[in-house]
Amino acid sequence: MPHPVVYSGNLDALLKKWKDEGTQALATGQCARLPQELTNVGHTSGWARGPRVLDVRDLLPGTVIANFKLVGGTWRFPNQEGWHAGLFRRFEGRRIMSNGLPCEFSMIDQWVNKKPGERGMAILTEAFKKQNTRFDKPSNRADEFYVVLVQ
């Protein structure tokens, strides 16, 4: 039966440890390597798309989340630029972020040349996407994140 995978440790302690130790990256620094190093989520080829993060109000902190792309009739994590994976942190109640957008939820993530840490996720408005076209990709859109399910 497919099920979500959740980091079992303390997320606050993990973030503090990374800050104190100056952690630059987990494994290769690729986004998927963060949940793979911290959980038993396994290789991305075994990931399946679960419910959309915004639709699961009781989502546990540390749940593995990702973007998925429809490929040959199946939803897959594509391992391509513009697609992302990490750990769900918490719902943020639409607090306003520095870019002026309301934060839907925060996640813990990394990518090459970006240290592991926390970032907020928003639903991008049409006006924001028009002015900031480089941000209009699934990796930057709260409404494009789904719970990762594995066997």
Protein backbone atom coordinates (compact mmCIF):
# COMPACT_ATOMS: atom_id res chain seq x y z
CA MET A 1 0.00 0.00 0.00
CA PRO A 2 1.52 3.37 -0.97
CA HIS A 3 2.28 5.57 2.03
CA PRO A 4 3.94 8.91 2.80
CA VAL A 5 7.43 9.09 4.31
CA VAL A 6 8.14 11.38 7.26
CA TYR A 7 11.45 12.48 8.77
CA SER A 8 11.41 11.17 12.35
CA GLY A 9 13.81 13.66 13.92
CA ASN A 10 13.39 17.16 15.30
CA LEU A 11 13.34 19.69 12.44
CA ASP A 12 14.29 22.64 14.68
CA ALA A 13 17.32 20.75 15.98
CA LEU A 14 18.28 19.73 12.44
CA LEU A 15 18.16 23.32 11.16
CA LYS A 16 20.19 24.51 14.17
CA LYS A 17 22.79 21.77 13.63
CA TRP A 18 23.20 22.72 9.97
CA LYS A 19 23.61 26.38 10.90
CA ASP A 20 26.07 25.67 13.74
CA GLU A 21 28.15 23.31 11.59
CA GLY A 22 27.98 25.44 8.45
CA THR A 23 26.51 22.58 6.43
CA GLN A 24 26.84 23.38 2.73
CA ALA A 25 24.95 20.41 1.23
CA LEU A 26 23.69 16.91 1.87
CA ALA A 27 25.29 14.39 -0.49
CA THR A 28 25.47 15.95 -4.00
CA GLY A 29 23.42 19.02 -3.10
CA GLN A 30 20.61 18.01 -5.48
CA CYS A 31 17.17 18.64 -3.99
CA ALA A 32 16.05 14.99 -3.92
CA ARG A 33 19.17 14.00 -1.98
CA LEU A 34 17.97 15.90 1.12
CA PRO A 35 14.92 13.70 1.81
CA GLN A 36 16.81 10.63 0.61
CA GLU A 37 19.58 11.25 3.15
CA LEU A 38 17.17 11.96 6.02
CA THR A 39 14.45 9.34 5.41
CA ASN A 40 13.90 5.98 3.76
CA VAL A 41 12.02 7.53 0.80
CA GLY A 42 14.31 5.73 -1.67
CA HIS A 43 15.13 6.48 -5.29
CA THR A 44 12.93 8.96 -7.14
CA SER A 45 11.89 6.27 -9.64
CA GLY A 46 9.84 4.73 -6.82
CA TRP A 47 8.04 7.96 -5.91
CA ALA A 48 4.34 8.37 -6.64
CA ARG A 49 2.22 11.51 -6.47
CA GLY A 50 -0.04 11.67 -3.44
CA PRO A 51 -2.42 14.43 -2.38
CA ARG A 52 -1.60 18.08 -3.01
CA VAL A 53 0.08 19.65 0.04
CA LEU A 54 -2.43 22.53 0.17
CA ASP A 55 -5.29 20.03 0.43
CA VAL A 56 -3.93 18.15 3.48
CA ARG A 57 -4.42 20.41 6.48
CA ASP A 58 -3.08 17.84 9.01
CA LEU A 59 0.17 17.11 7.14
CA LEU A 60 2.96 16.04 9.50
CA PRO A 61 6.14 18.14 9.70
CA GLY A 62 8.97 16.31 7.94
CA THR A 63 6.74 14.71 5.27
CA VAL A 64 8.56 14.28 1.96
CA ILE A 65 7.01 16.51 -0.73
CA ALA A 66 7.81 17.12 -4.39
CA ASN A 67 6.61 18.38 -7.76
CA PHE A 68 5.44 15.82 -10.29
CA LYS A 69 5.21 15.87 -14.08
CA LEU A 70 2.85 13.80 -16.23
CA VAL A 71 5.07 11.58 -18.38
CA GLY A 72 3.53 8.91 -20.60
CA GLY A 73 0.33 8.93 -18.58
CA THR A 74 2.10 8.55 -15.21
CA TRP A 75 2.96 11.23 -12.66
CA ARG A 76 6.75 11.17 -12.12
CA PHE A 77 9.38 13.21 -10.31
CA PRO A 78 11.32 14.36 -13.39
CA ASN A 79 14.80 15.13 -11.93
CA GLN A 80 14.93 18.29 -14.07
CA GLU A 81 15.59 21.96 -13.41
CA GLY A 82 12.39 23.66 -12.29
CA TRP A 83 11.09 20.63 -10.39
CA HIS A 84 11.79 20.18 -6.70
CA ALA A 85 11.66 18.01 -3.57
CA GLY A 86 12.14 18.54 0.15
CA LEU A 87 10.49 18.16 3.55
CA PHE A 88 7.26 19.86 4.54
CA ARG A 89 7.82 22.13 7.59
CA ARG A 90 4.47 23.71 8.49
CA PHE A 91 1.52 25.70 7.22
CA GLU A 92 2.22 29.42 7.63
CA GLY A 93 -1.24 30.99 7.70
CA ARG A 94 -0.49 33.21 4.69
CA ARG A 95 2.01 35.45 6.55
CA ILE A 96 3.50 37.98 4.14
CA MET A 97 6.98 37.09 2.89
CA SER A 98 9.71 39.52 1.81
CA ASN A 99 8.56 39.24 -1.83
CA GLY A 100 5.11 40.52 -0.77
CA LEU A 101 3.34 37.22 -1.35
CA PRO A 102 1.39 35.33 1.32
CA CYS A 103 3.25 32.23 2.53
CA GLU A 104 1.12 29.09 2.33
CA PHE A 105 3.65 26.69 3.87
CA SER A 106 7.34 26.38 4.56
CA MET A 107 9.63 23.57 3.55
CA ILE A 108 13.17 22.41 4.20
CA ASP A 109 15.14 22.04 1.01
CA GLN A 110 18.42 22.46 -0.82
CA TRP A 111 19.68 22.72 -4.35
CA VAL A 112 23.10 22.92 -5.91
CA ASN A 113 24.82 26.07 -4.61
CA LYS A 114 22.05 26.68 -2.02
CA LYS A 115 22.61 25.43 1.51
CA PRO A 116 19.96 23.24 3.12
CA GLY A 117 17.48 25.36 5.03
CA GLU A 118 13.94 26.61 5.29
CA ARG A 119 11.97 28.63 2.73
CA GLY A 120 8.40 29.80 2.32
CA MET A 121 6.13 28.75 -0.51
CA ALA A 122 3.40 30.92 -2.03
CA ILE A 123 0.74 30.65 -4.69
CA LEU A 124 2.13 32.95 -7.35
CA THR A 125 -0.27 35.61 -8.56
CA GLU A 126 -0.57 36.30 -12.29
CA ALA A 127 0.92 39.76 -11.74
CA PHE A 128 3.91 38.32 -9.86
CA LYS A 129 4.52 35.70 -12.58
CA LYS A 130 4.33 38.37 -15.28
CA GLN A 131 6.91 40.58 -13.52
CA ASN A 132 9.12 37.67 -12.37
CA THR A 133 9.01 35.11 -15.18
CA ARG A 134 12.05 33.20 -13.89
CA PHE A 135 10.04 32.20 -10.80
CA ASP A 136 7.12 30.72 -12.73
CA LYS A 137 8.05 27.05 -12.47
CA PRO A 138 6.69 24.23 -10.28
CA SER A 139 9.64 24.45 -7.86
CA ASN A 140 8.48 27.92 -6.75
CA ARG A 141 4.72 27.33 -6.58
CA ALA A 142 3.00 26.13 -3.40
CA ASP A 143 0.08 24.79 -5.44
CA GLU A 144 2.40 22.44 -7.36
CA PHE A 145 3.70 20.42 -4.38
CA TYR A 146 2.39 16.95 -3.57
CA VAL A 147 3.01 14.39 -0.85
CA VAL A 148 5.45 11.72 -2.02
CA LEU A 149 4.11 8.18 -1.68
CA VAL A 150 6.22 5.01 -1.77
CA GLN A 151 5.46 1.28 -1.57
